[in-house]
Amino acid sequence: MVRKLRFFSSIRTKFAITYFLVIAFVLILMNTYFLMASREMMFTSKQVFLQNQASFVAAHLEASFITLSPDDDIDRVMEELDVAAATFVVITDAEGFVLYDSSENRSEDEFPAENIQRTLESYEVFYTMFSEGVFSSSAFAPIVSRGEIIGAVFVHEDDPEQGAILSDMQSTLWNISIIVAIFSVFAVTFIVWSMMRRVGSIVKAVKSVREGQYSYHIKMGGNDELAILGDEFNSLTNRLRETDEVRRRFVADASHELRTPLATIRLLSDSILQNVDIRRDTVHEFISDIGTEAGRLARTTEKLMTLTKLDSDIPDERIRVDMRTAVQATLRMLTPLADSHGLLLRSELAEGCFVLATEDAIHQIAFNLIENAIKYNLPGGGVNVGLGIVDDMVVLNVDDRGVGVPDEDIPYIFDRFYRVDKARSRAAGGSGLGLSIVSDTVRELGGNVTAARRVGGGMRFQVRFALWKDDG
């Protein structure tokens, strides 16, 4: 069942949402944390400056504050101190009564009576605010004489310049945020469109292959993961096409191999049934031919079942197998066949050639190789079978003195139903499956098999397995 793609389950949607969330987080952080940090830094700077101003005024007034008159003396002292940075300065006595006020336009609502009272209770008070592009900061310091609070100093400052800097910074950050947001929209649109267009090509290709178009290839540019995925897909379709071709050829060859003996059996049986006056010796000859064809049919079917078993990837339980014993048994079985062909079987089998396998598998390998060497040999020739250990590998060699295999055919002789000389193979009773069974069985056991032409004529088939060692 093919799943239906929903909007929120799409990679495109997930990528876009994730990207926008990250950008939004960065923009929010930039417009909050940095502004707050900048504002806090300015607030701290103002606090230190104004509190120093208030403490400076209070320190100069505390020694002679009681003897100073509000009208002239305090004005004179404040002129000498020259607190020019402050917008205005207010000085009160211990009761909160204003003795000095540098502001001429300040209303009573602006007088911070509550903070004056807190200052007279021995607190240093500071507060600041940013409104309409202006920093408004106030600092309060008590005037202390002989351990007693005898008055309070209130220093206030309005700083539009620092406010303008903060406003410009905020405006700049907003402009940057807008530009980044617009750029992000275009960037994510382009990236998502580009990526999904390539992903869509892969999806389209998968659908085409699913419908049986194994020759479909993806044209994927770039050097990223999607390009690598496209290359792997093309390799997969090539493999599928080759496998499909092999399957088609296998089915065709198998049908042909089975149809030929069946057709012969039917023809011979029909000849017996339709000829009432057929001679007894002719009937005997036809029945013998039917038996021969039935035997060929049985052998072909058995080999097909063997290949099917190998393709099922269901391994048999493997044990330690003495290849020398298995090859000797095979040679005994095939000696009559070699004698009937006028061939001489020679063997040189070393001891201790143990491998991890099954007895049936080793017998299958040796039987098919030796039988093949006998069937495709020359009259008066011979077959040499060698078994030994080379570099911790058990090596089985089967040499014949036949006509050999042309170099251009050697890469294909392990393919199913492949025959170099079809007429000669059929006459010898070959099905084209023996070497394929050898190749598949050896590969299943973790070994390898090779074929090569011998100097002087004939072929050498070599099988190599890892030597089984008793760790105990």
Protein backbone atom coordinates (compact mmCIF):
# COMPACT_ATOMS: atom_id res chain seq x y z
CA MET A 1 0.00 0.00 0.00
CA VAL A 2 1.35 3.43 -0.99
CA ARG A 3 0.94 6.08 1.68
CA LYS A 4 -0.77 9.36 0.91
CA LEU A 5 1.33 12.45 1.51
CA ARG A 6 -0.25 14.92 3.92
CA PHE A 7 0.72 18.56 4.22
CA PHE A 8 2.14 18.47 7.75
CA SER A 9 3.86 15.11 7.23
CA SER A 10 5.71 16.38 4.16
CA ILE A 11 9.48 16.88 4.45
CA ARG A 12 8.98 20.18 2.68
CA THR A 13 6.62 21.43 5.41
CA LYS A 14 8.77 20.11 8.25
CA PHE A 15 11.90 21.70 6.81
CA ALA A 16 10.20 25.05 6.22
CA ILE A 17 8.63 25.14 9.70
CA THR A 18 11.91 24.18 11.35
CA TYR A 19 13.84 26.79 9.39
CA PHE A 20 11.34 29.56 10.17
CA LEU A 21 11.25 28.61 13.87
CA VAL A 22 15.03 28.89 14.07
CA ILE A 23 15.00 32.26 12.28
CA ALA A 24 12.15 33.50 14.48
CA PHE A 25 14.04 32.44 17.62
CA VAL A 26 17.17 34.28 16.46
CA LEU A 27 15.22 37.43 15.58
CA ILE A 28 13.32 37.42 18.87
CA LEU A 29 16.56 36.89 20.76
CA MET A 30 18.21 39.71 18.85
CA ASN A 31 15.29 42.11 19.42
CA THR A 32 14.87 41.29 23.11
CA TYR A 33 18.10 40.15 24.69
CA PHE A 34 20.42 42.60 22.95
CA LEU A 35 18.05 45.52 23.45
CA MET A 36 17.51 44.61 27.08
CA ALA A 37 21.25 44.17 27.59
CA SER A 38 21.96 47.55 25.97
CA ARG A 39 19.24 49.23 27.99
CA GLU A 40 20.48 47.62 31.20
CA MET A 41 24.02 48.81 30.47
CA MET A 42 22.78 52.37 29.96
CA PHE A 43 20.65 52.16 33.11
CA THR A 44 23.66 51.02 35.12
CA SER A 45 25.80 53.80 33.71
CA LYS A 46 23.15 56.37 34.60
CA GLN A 47 22.72 54.96 38.09
CA VAL A 48 26.41 55.15 38.87
CA PHE A 49 26.72 58.66 37.45
CA LEU A 50 23.66 60.21 39.14
CA GLN A 51 24.22 58.50 42.48
CA ASN A 52 27.75 59.84 42.47
CA GLN A 53 26.33 63.29 41.70
CA ALA A 54 23.80 63.07 44.53
CA SER A 55 26.39 61.74 46.99
CA PHE A 56 28.82 64.48 45.90
CA VAL A 57 26.28 67.21 46.66
CA ALA A 58 25.25 65.60 49.96
CA ALA A 59 28.90 65.30 51.07
CA HIS A 60 29.54 69.04 50.49
CA LEU A 61 26.40 70.09 52.31
CA GLU A 62 26.55 67.90 55.39
CA ALA A 63 29.23 69.88 57.27
CA SER A 64 27.46 73.26 57.10
CA PHE A 65 23.94 72.27 56.14
CA ILE A 66 22.37 73.45 59.43
CA THR A 67 23.91 76.90 59.24
CA LEU A 68 23.09 77.48 55.59
CA SER A 69 20.11 79.65 54.76
CA PRO A 70 17.81 78.40 52.03
CA ASP A 71 17.72 81.66 50.14
CA ASP A 72 21.33 82.56 49.51
CA ASP A 73 23.79 80.17 51.06
CA ILE A 74 22.50 76.97 49.45
CA ASP A 75 22.23 78.71 46.07
CA ARG A 76 25.83 79.86 46.42
CA VAL A 77 27.07 76.39 47.34
CA MET A 78 25.22 74.83 44.41
CA GLU A 79 26.71 77.37 42.03
CA GLU A 80 30.15 76.51 43.34
CA LEU A 81 29.50 72.79 42.90
CA ASP A 82 28.23 73.36 39.36
CA VAL A 83 26.18 70.20 38.87
CA ALA A 84 25.71 71.02 35.21
CA ALA A 85 24.98 67.52 33.99
CA ALA A 86 21.77 67.29 35.96
CA THR A 87 18.52 68.61 34.56
CA PHE A 88 17.55 69.82 38.02
CA VAL A 89 18.53 69.34 41.66
CA VAL A 90 16.23 69.44 44.70
CA ILE A 91 17.42 69.72 48.33
CA THR A 92 15.07 69.19 51.29
CA ASP A 93 15.42 69.28 55.04
CA ALA A 94 14.70 66.43 57.45
CA GLU A 95 10.98 67.10 57.19
CA GLY A 96 10.93 66.94 53.44
CA PHE A 97 10.52 70.70 53.03
CA VAL A 98 12.17 71.94 49.83
CA LEU A 99 15.14 74.20 50.57
CA TYR A 100 16.51 74.35 47.04
CA ASP A 101 15.03 73.58 43.63
CA SER A 102 16.94 74.30 40.41
CA SER A 103 13.90 73.63 38.25
CA GLU A 104 11.64 76.50 37.42
CA ASN A 105 8.94 74.67 35.45
CA ARG A 106 8.52 71.45 37.41
CA SER A 107 4.97 70.88 38.65
CA GLU A 108 4.05 69.50 42.06
CA ASP A 109 3.00 66.23 40.43
CA GLU A 110 6.61 65.68 39.37
CA PHE A 111 7.93 66.10 42.89
CA PRO A 112 8.96 62.64 44.15
CA ALA A 113 7.74 63.00 47.72
CA GLU A 114 7.61 59.25 48.30
CA ASN A 115 11.24 58.71 47.27
CA ILE A 116 12.31 61.78 49.30
CA GLN A 117 10.69 60.17 52.31
CA ARG A 118 12.45 56.86 51.68
CA THR A 119 15.76 58.71 51.39
CA LEU A 120 15.15 60.45 54.73
CA GLU A 121 14.75 56.96 56.19
CA SER A 122 18.43 56.24 55.24
CA TYR A 123 17.91 54.73 51.77
CA GLU A 124 19.77 55.63 48.64
CA VAL A 125 17.13 55.52 45.92
CA PHE A 126 17.51 55.40 42.16
CA TYR A 127 15.08 54.82 39.37
CA THR A 128 15.11 55.33 35.63
CA MET A 129 12.74 54.94 32.73
CA PHE A 130 12.82 55.13 28.94
CA SER A 131 9.85 56.79 27.33
CA GLU A 132 9.28 58.59 24.04
CA GLY A 133 12.96 58.35 23.14
CA VAL A 134 14.21 59.95 26.38
CA PHE A 135 16.07 58.45 29.35
CA SER A 136 14.67 59.90 32.61
CA SER A 137 16.82 59.04 35.63
CA SER A 138 16.60 60.12 39.27
CA ALA A 139 18.97 59.58 42.20
CA PHE A 140 18.35 60.34 45.88
CA ALA A 141 21.02 60.59 48.59
CA PRO A 142 20.59 61.45 52.30
CA ILE A 143 22.50 64.31 53.92
CA VAL A 144 24.01 62.91 57.11
CA SER A 145 25.52 64.89 59.98
CA ARG A 146 26.89 63.16 63.09
CA GLY A 147 25.06 59.99 62.23
CA GLU A 148 21.68 61.63 61.72
CA ILE A 149 19.86 62.30 58.46
CA ILE A 150 19.27 66.02 58.27
CA GLY A 151 18.15 66.30 54.66
CA ALA A 152 18.00 64.78 51.22
CA VAL A 153 19.40 65.51 47.76
CA PHE A 154 17.38 64.68 44.65
CA VAL A 155 19.20 64.78 41.28
CA HIS A 156 17.25 64.26 38.08
CA GLU A 157 18.43 64.04 34.47
CA ASP A 158 16.63 63.76 31.13
CA ASP A 159 18.98 62.39 28.44
CA PRO A 160 17.49 62.45 24.93
CA GLU A 161 20.88 61.67 23.36
CA GLN A 162 21.18 58.25 24.99
CA GLY A 163 17.51 57.71 24.26
CA ALA A 164 18.12 58.49 20.61
CA ILE A 165 20.97 55.97 20.52
CA LEU A 166 18.72 53.29 22.00
CA SER A 167 15.89 54.19 19.63
CA ASP A 168 18.22 54.06 16.64
CA MET A 169 19.53 50.69 17.80
CA GLN A 170 15.99 49.38 18.16
CA SER A 171 15.03 50.73 14.75
CA THR A 172 18.16 49.22 13.18
CA LEU A 173 17.44 45.84 14.71
CA TRP A 174 13.88 45.96 13.41
CA ASN A 175 15.10 46.82 9.92
CA ILE A 176 17.66 44.01 10.06
CA SER A 177 14.97 41.62 11.28
CA ILE A 178 12.68 42.54 8.40
CA ILE A 179 15.49 42.08 5.86
CA VAL A 180 16.49 38.74 7.41
CA ALA A 181 12.86 37.57 7.45
CA ILE A 182 12.36 38.47 3.78
CA PHE A 183 15.66 36.87 2.80
CA SER A 184 14.77 33.76 4.81
CA VAL A 185 11.45 33.39 3.00
CA PHE A 186 13.14 33.54 -0.39
CA ALA A 187 16.02 31.31 0.74
CA VAL A 188 13.83 28.60 2.25
CA THR A 189 11.50 28.74 -0.77
CA PHE A 190 14.41 28.22 -3.14
CA ILE A 191 16.07 25.52 -1.03
CA VAL A 192 12.84 23.60 -0.45
CA TRP A 193 11.82 23.91 -4.11
CA SER A 194 15.24 22.73 -5.29
CA MET A 195 15.39 19.84 -2.84
CA MET A 196 11.81 18.68 -3.37
CA ARG A 197 12.18 18.90 -7.15
CA ARG A 198 15.08 16.44 -6.89
CA VAL A 199 13.23 14.27 -4.37
CA GLY A 200 10.25 14.32 -6.71
CA SER A 201 12.50 13.03 -9.50
CA ILE A 202 13.51 10.12 -7.29
CA VAL A 203 9.89 9.37 -6.36
CA LYS A 204 8.90 9.46 -10.04
CA ALA A 205 11.77 7.11 -10.86
CA VAL A 206 10.76 4.68 -8.10
CA LYS A 207 7.19 4.62 -9.43
CA SER A 208 8.46 3.93 -12.94
CA VAL A 209 10.63 1.04 -11.74
CA ARG A 210 7.72 -0.28 -9.68
CA GLU A 211 5.71 -0.41 -12.91
CA GLY A 212 8.45 -2.49 -14.55
CA GLN A 213 10.53 0.17 -16.33
CA TYR A 214 13.88 -1.20 -15.16
CA SER A 215 15.79 0.85 -17.73
CA TYR A 216 14.68 4.14 -16.11
CA HIS A 217 17.63 6.34 -15.05
CA ILE A 218 17.75 9.50 -12.95
CA LYS A 219 19.68 12.53 -14.13
CA MET A 220 20.75 14.04 -10.81
CA GLY A 221 23.27 16.89 -10.75
CA GLY A 222 25.43 18.04 -7.88
CA ASN A 223 27.68 16.23 -5.43
CA ASP A 224 25.42 16.01 -2.38
CA GLU A 225 23.60 13.10 -0.75
CA LEU A 226 20.71 13.25 -3.23
CA ALA A 227 23.16 12.96 -6.13
CA ILE A 228 24.73 9.91 -4.46
CA LEU A 229 21.24 8.50 -3.91
CA GLY A 230 20.52 9.02 -7.61
CA ASP A 231 23.70 7.16 -8.56
CA GLU A 232 22.80 4.30 -6.23
CA PHE A 233 19.30 4.19 -7.73
CA ASN A 234 20.72 3.98 -11.23
CA SER A 235 23.01 1.16 -10.12
CA LEU A 236 20.01 -0.59 -8.60
CA THR A 237 17.96 -0.29 -11.79
CA ASN A 238 20.89 -1.64 -13.79
CA ARG A 239 21.05 -4.58 -11.42
CA LEU A 240 17.28 -5.09 -11.64
CA ARG A 241 17.40 -4.98 -15.41
CA GLU A 242 20.20 -7.55 -15.49
CA THR A 243 18.35 -9.73 -12.99
CA ASP A 244 15.14 -9.46 -15.00
CA GLU A 245 16.99 -10.40 -18.16
CA VAL A 246 18.58 -13.37 -16.38
CA ARG A 247 15.17 -14.39 -15.04
CA ARG A 248 13.57 -14.18 -18.45
CA ARG A 249 16.41 -16.13 -20.02
CA PHE A 250 16.30 -18.67 -17.19
CA VAL A 251 12.55 -19.20 -17.62
CA ALA A 252 12.94 -19.50 -21.38
CA ASP A 253 15.87 -21.92 -21.10
CA ALA A 254 14.18 -23.96 -18.37
CA SER A 255 10.99 -24.19 -20.45
CA HIS A 256 13.01 -25.26 -23.46
CA GLU A 257 14.98 -27.87 -21.49
CA LEU A 258 11.80 -29.33 -20.04
CA ARG A 259 9.79 -29.09 -23.26
CA THR A 260 12.32 -30.99 -25.38
CA PRO A 261 12.27 -34.31 -23.44
CA LEU A 262 8.53 -33.98 -22.86
CA ALA A 263 7.93 -33.53 -26.59
CA THR A 264 10.15 -36.52 -27.33
CA ILE A 265 8.33 -38.69 -24.78
CA ARG A 266 4.95 -37.66 -26.21
CA LEU A 267 6.06 -38.34 -29.78
CA LEU A 268 7.40 -41.79 -28.92
CA SER A 269 4.37 -42.75 -26.84
CA ASP A 270 1.99 -41.57 -29.60
CA SER A 271 3.95 -43.63 -32.13
CA ILE A 272 3.50 -46.74 -30.00
CA LEU A 273 -0.22 -46.12 -29.45
CA GLN A 274 -1.08 -45.25 -33.05
CA ASN A 275 0.81 -48.13 -34.70
CA VAL A 276 -1.10 -51.33 -33.99
CA ASP A 277 1.28 -53.53 -35.95
CA ILE A 278 4.46 -52.03 -34.50
CA ARG A 279 7.23 -54.55 -34.05
CA ARG A 280 8.25 -55.65 -30.58
CA ASP A 281 11.91 -54.64 -30.98
CA THR A 282 10.79 -51.18 -32.16
CA VAL A 283 8.55 -50.85 -29.09
CA HIS A 284 11.49 -51.84 -26.92
CA GLU A 285 13.67 -49.22 -28.63
CA PHE A 286 11.00 -46.51 -28.23
CA ILE A 287 10.52 -47.36 -24.55
CA SER A 288 14.28 -47.20 -24.01
CA ASP A 289 14.33 -43.75 -25.62
CA ILE A 290 11.42 -42.72 -23.41
CA GLY A 291 13.41 -43.85 -20.36
CA THR A 292 16.44 -41.86 -21.53
CA GLU A 293 14.38 -38.70 -22.01
CA ALA A 294 12.64 -39.24 -18.65
CA GLY A 295 16.06 -39.55 -17.02
CA ARG A 296 17.18 -36.30 -18.64
CA LEU A 297 13.95 -34.65 -17.48
CA ALA A 298 14.49 -35.94 -13.94
CA ARG A 299 18.10 -34.70 -13.86
CA THR A 300 17.13 -31.27 -15.12
CA THR A 301 14.29 -31.01 -12.60
CA GLU A 302 16.58 -32.11 -9.77
CA LYS A 303 19.18 -29.49 -10.70
CA LEU A 304 16.52 -26.79 -10.92
CA MET A 305 15.33 -27.74 -7.44
CA THR A 306 18.93 -27.59 -6.21
CA LEU A 307 19.30 -24.07 -7.61
CA THR A 308 15.98 -23.07 -6.08
CA LYS A 309 17.17 -24.32 -2.71
CA LEU A 310 20.40 -22.33 -3.06
CA ASP A 311 18.44 -19.21 -4.00
CA SER A 312 16.21 -19.57 -0.92
CA ASP A 313 19.10 -18.52 1.38
CA ILE A 314 18.15 -21.19 3.93
CA PRO A 315 21.54 -22.58 5.01
CA ASP A 316 21.96 -26.19 6.04
CA GLU A 317 23.67 -27.00 9.30
CA ARG A 318 27.38 -27.07 8.58
CA ILE A 319 29.86 -29.47 10.12
CA ARG A 320 33.51 -30.36 9.74
CA VAL A 321 33.83 -32.22 6.43
CA ASP A 322 36.87 -34.14 5.24
CA MET A 323 37.09 -33.16 1.58
CA ARG A 324 39.52 -36.00 0.85
CA THR A 325 36.91 -38.58 1.84
CA ALA A 326 34.15 -36.80 -0.08
CA VAL A 327 36.23 -36.50 -3.27
CA GLN A 328 37.31 -40.18 -3.05
CA ALA A 329 33.66 -41.25 -2.84
CA THR A 330 32.82 -39.10 -5.84
CA LEU A 331 35.68 -40.57 -7.86
CA ARG A 332 34.45 -44.09 -7.13
CA MET A 333 30.98 -43.14 -8.40
CA LEU A 334 32.28 -41.58 -11.62
CA THR A 335 34.94 -44.17 -12.49
CA PRO A 336 32.45 -46.24 -14.57
CA LEU A 337 31.50 -43.11 -16.53
CA ALA A 338 35.17 -42.34 -17.19
CA ASP A 339 35.77 -45.93 -18.29
CA SER A 340 32.84 -45.76 -20.71
CA HIS A 341 34.45 -42.70 -22.31
CA GLY A 342 37.87 -44.35 -22.42
CA LEU A 343 39.30 -41.82 -19.97
CA LEU A 344 41.76 -42.25 -17.12
CA LEU A 345 40.95 -40.70 -13.73
CA ARG A 346 44.01 -39.67 -11.75
CA SER A 347 43.94 -38.18 -8.26
CA GLU A 348 46.38 -36.80 -5.73
CA LEU A 349 44.54 -36.03 -2.52
CA ALA A 350 46.27 -34.66 0.58
CA GLU A 351 45.13 -35.50 4.09
CA GLY A 352 43.83 -33.03 6.67
CA CYS A 353 41.74 -31.03 4.19
CA PHE A 354 38.89 -30.17 6.53
CA VAL A 355 36.33 -27.46 5.75
CA LEU A 356 33.17 -26.13 7.38
CA ALA A 357 30.39 -27.27 5.05
CA THR A 358 27.91 -30.09 4.45
CA GLU A 359 28.77 -33.45 2.93
CA ASP A 360 26.07 -33.07 0.29
CA ALA A 361 27.43 -29.68 -0.77
CA ILE A 362 31.01 -30.94 -1.15
CA HIS A 363 29.76 -33.99 -3.05
CA GLN A 364 27.68 -31.74 -5.31
CA ILE A 365 30.70 -29.56 -6.12
CA ALA A 366 33.11 -32.44 -6.78
CA PHE A 367 30.56 -34.50 -8.74
CA ASN A 368 29.60 -31.69 -11.11
CA LEU A 369 33.19 -30.62 -11.80
CA ILE A 370 34.51 -34.15 -12.39
CA GLU A 371 31.47 -35.21 -14.41
CA ASN A 372 31.80 -32.08 -16.52
CA ALA A 373 35.51 -32.85 -17.11
CA ILE A 374 34.64 -36.40 -18.22
CA LYS A 375 31.78 -35.43 -20.57
CA TYR A 376 33.66 -32.69 -22.39
CA ASN A 377 37.01 -34.47 -22.69
CA LEU A 378 38.66 -35.87 -25.79
CA PRO A 379 38.87 -39.62 -26.53
CA GLY A 380 41.94 -41.12 -24.90
CA GLY A 381 42.32 -38.14 -22.60
CA GLY A 382 42.26 -38.01 -18.86
CA VAL A 383 41.06 -36.11 -15.80
CA ASN A 384 43.41 -35.11 -12.98
CA VAL A 385 41.94 -34.28 -9.59
CA GLY A 386 44.17 -32.61 -6.99
CA LEU A 387 43.44 -31.67 -3.38
CA GLY A 388 45.84 -29.85 -1.05
CA ILE A 389 46.40 -27.02 1.44
CA VAL A 390 47.91 -23.71 0.34
CA ASP A 391 48.21 -20.77 2.77
CA ASP A 392 45.50 -22.06 5.12
CA MET A 393 43.21 -22.66 2.17
CA VAL A 394 41.91 -26.02 0.95
CA VAL A 395 42.36 -26.08 -2.84
CA LEU A 396 40.55 -28.51 -5.16
CA ASN A 397 41.79 -28.65 -8.78
CA VAL A 398 39.99 -30.52 -11.58
CA ASP A 399 41.95 -30.63 -14.86
CA ASP A 400 40.82 -32.09 -18.17
CA ARG A 401 42.44 -32.48 -21.59
CA GLY A 402 39.42 -31.50 -23.62
CA VAL A 403 39.00 -28.82 -26.25
CA GLY A 404 38.68 -26.15 -23.56
CA VAL A 405 36.54 -23.05 -23.54
CA PRO A 406 37.19 -19.96 -25.69
CA ASP A 407 38.45 -17.00 -23.69
CA GLU A 408 35.39 -14.91 -24.57
CA ASP A 409 33.07 -17.58 -23.10
CA ILE A 410 34.91 -18.17 -19.80
CA PRO A 411 33.17 -15.27 -17.92
CA TYR A 412 29.77 -16.83 -18.70
CA ILE A 413 30.28 -20.55 -18.12
CA PHE A 414 28.89 -20.33 -14.56
CA ASP A 415 25.64 -18.75 -15.81
CA ARG A 416 22.57 -20.94 -15.74
CA PHE A 417 21.85 -22.87 -18.97
CA TYR A 418 24.94 -21.41 -20.62
CA ARG A 419 26.58 -23.74 -23.14
CA VAL A 420 29.63 -23.07 -25.26
CA ASP A 421 28.60 -25.67 -27.86
CA LYS A 422 24.87 -26.31 -27.50
CA ALA A 423 24.77 -29.25 -29.91
CA ARG A 424 27.70 -31.03 -28.27
CA SER A 425 26.39 -30.28 -24.77
CA ARG A 426 22.99 -31.71 -25.57
CA ALA A 427 24.57 -34.80 -27.09
CA ALA A 428 26.61 -35.27 -23.91
CA GLY A 429 23.47 -35.00 -21.80
CA GLY A 430 24.38 -31.66 -20.26
CA SER A 431 21.72 -29.28 -19.03
CA GLY A 432 23.88 -26.18 -18.60
CA LEU A 433 23.17 -26.14 -14.86
CA GLY A 434 26.06 -28.09 -13.35
CA LEU A 435 28.64 -25.28 -13.23
CA SER A 436 25.98 -22.86 -12.05
CA ILE A 437 25.22 -25.20 -9.13
CA VAL A 438 28.96 -25.38 -8.37
CA SER A 439 29.29 -21.58 -8.39
CA ASP A 440 26.24 -20.97 -6.20
CA THR A 441 27.18 -23.74 -3.74
CA VAL A 442 30.77 -22.55 -3.38
CA ARG A 443 29.64 -18.97 -2.86
CA GLU A 444 27.09 -20.10 -0.26
CA LEU A 445 29.90 -21.84 1.67
CA GLY A 446 32.10 -18.75 1.60
CA GLY A 447 34.60 -20.04 -0.97
CA ASN A 448 35.39 -19.15 -4.56
CA VAL A 449 35.65 -21.02 -7.85
CA THR A 450 37.62 -20.07 -10.96
CA ALA A 451 38.04 -21.46 -14.46
CA ALA A 452 41.04 -21.07 -16.75
CA ARG A 453 42.45 -22.60 -19.90
CA ARG A 454 45.36 -25.03 -19.39
CA VAL A 455 48.59 -24.77 -21.30
CA GLY A 456 48.52 -27.59 -23.84
CA GLY A 457 44.70 -27.73 -24.02
CA GLY A 458 41.82 -28.37 -21.70
CA MET A 459 40.50 -26.51 -18.65
CA ARG A 460 41.33 -26.19 -14.98
CA PHE A 461 38.60 -25.57 -12.45
CA GLN A 462 39.82 -24.53 -9.02
CA VAL A 463 37.77 -24.32 -5.81
CA ARG A 464 39.16 -22.72 -2.65
CA PHE A 465 37.79 -22.94 0.90
CA ALA A 466 39.13 -21.73 4.23
CA LEU A 467 40.84 -24.52 6.14
CA TRP A 468 38.85 -25.61 9.20
CA LYS A 469 40.97 -25.51 12.35
CA ASP A 470 40.18 -27.08 15.68
CA ASP A 471 40.64 -24.22 18.18
CA GLY A 472 40.19 -26.63 21.06
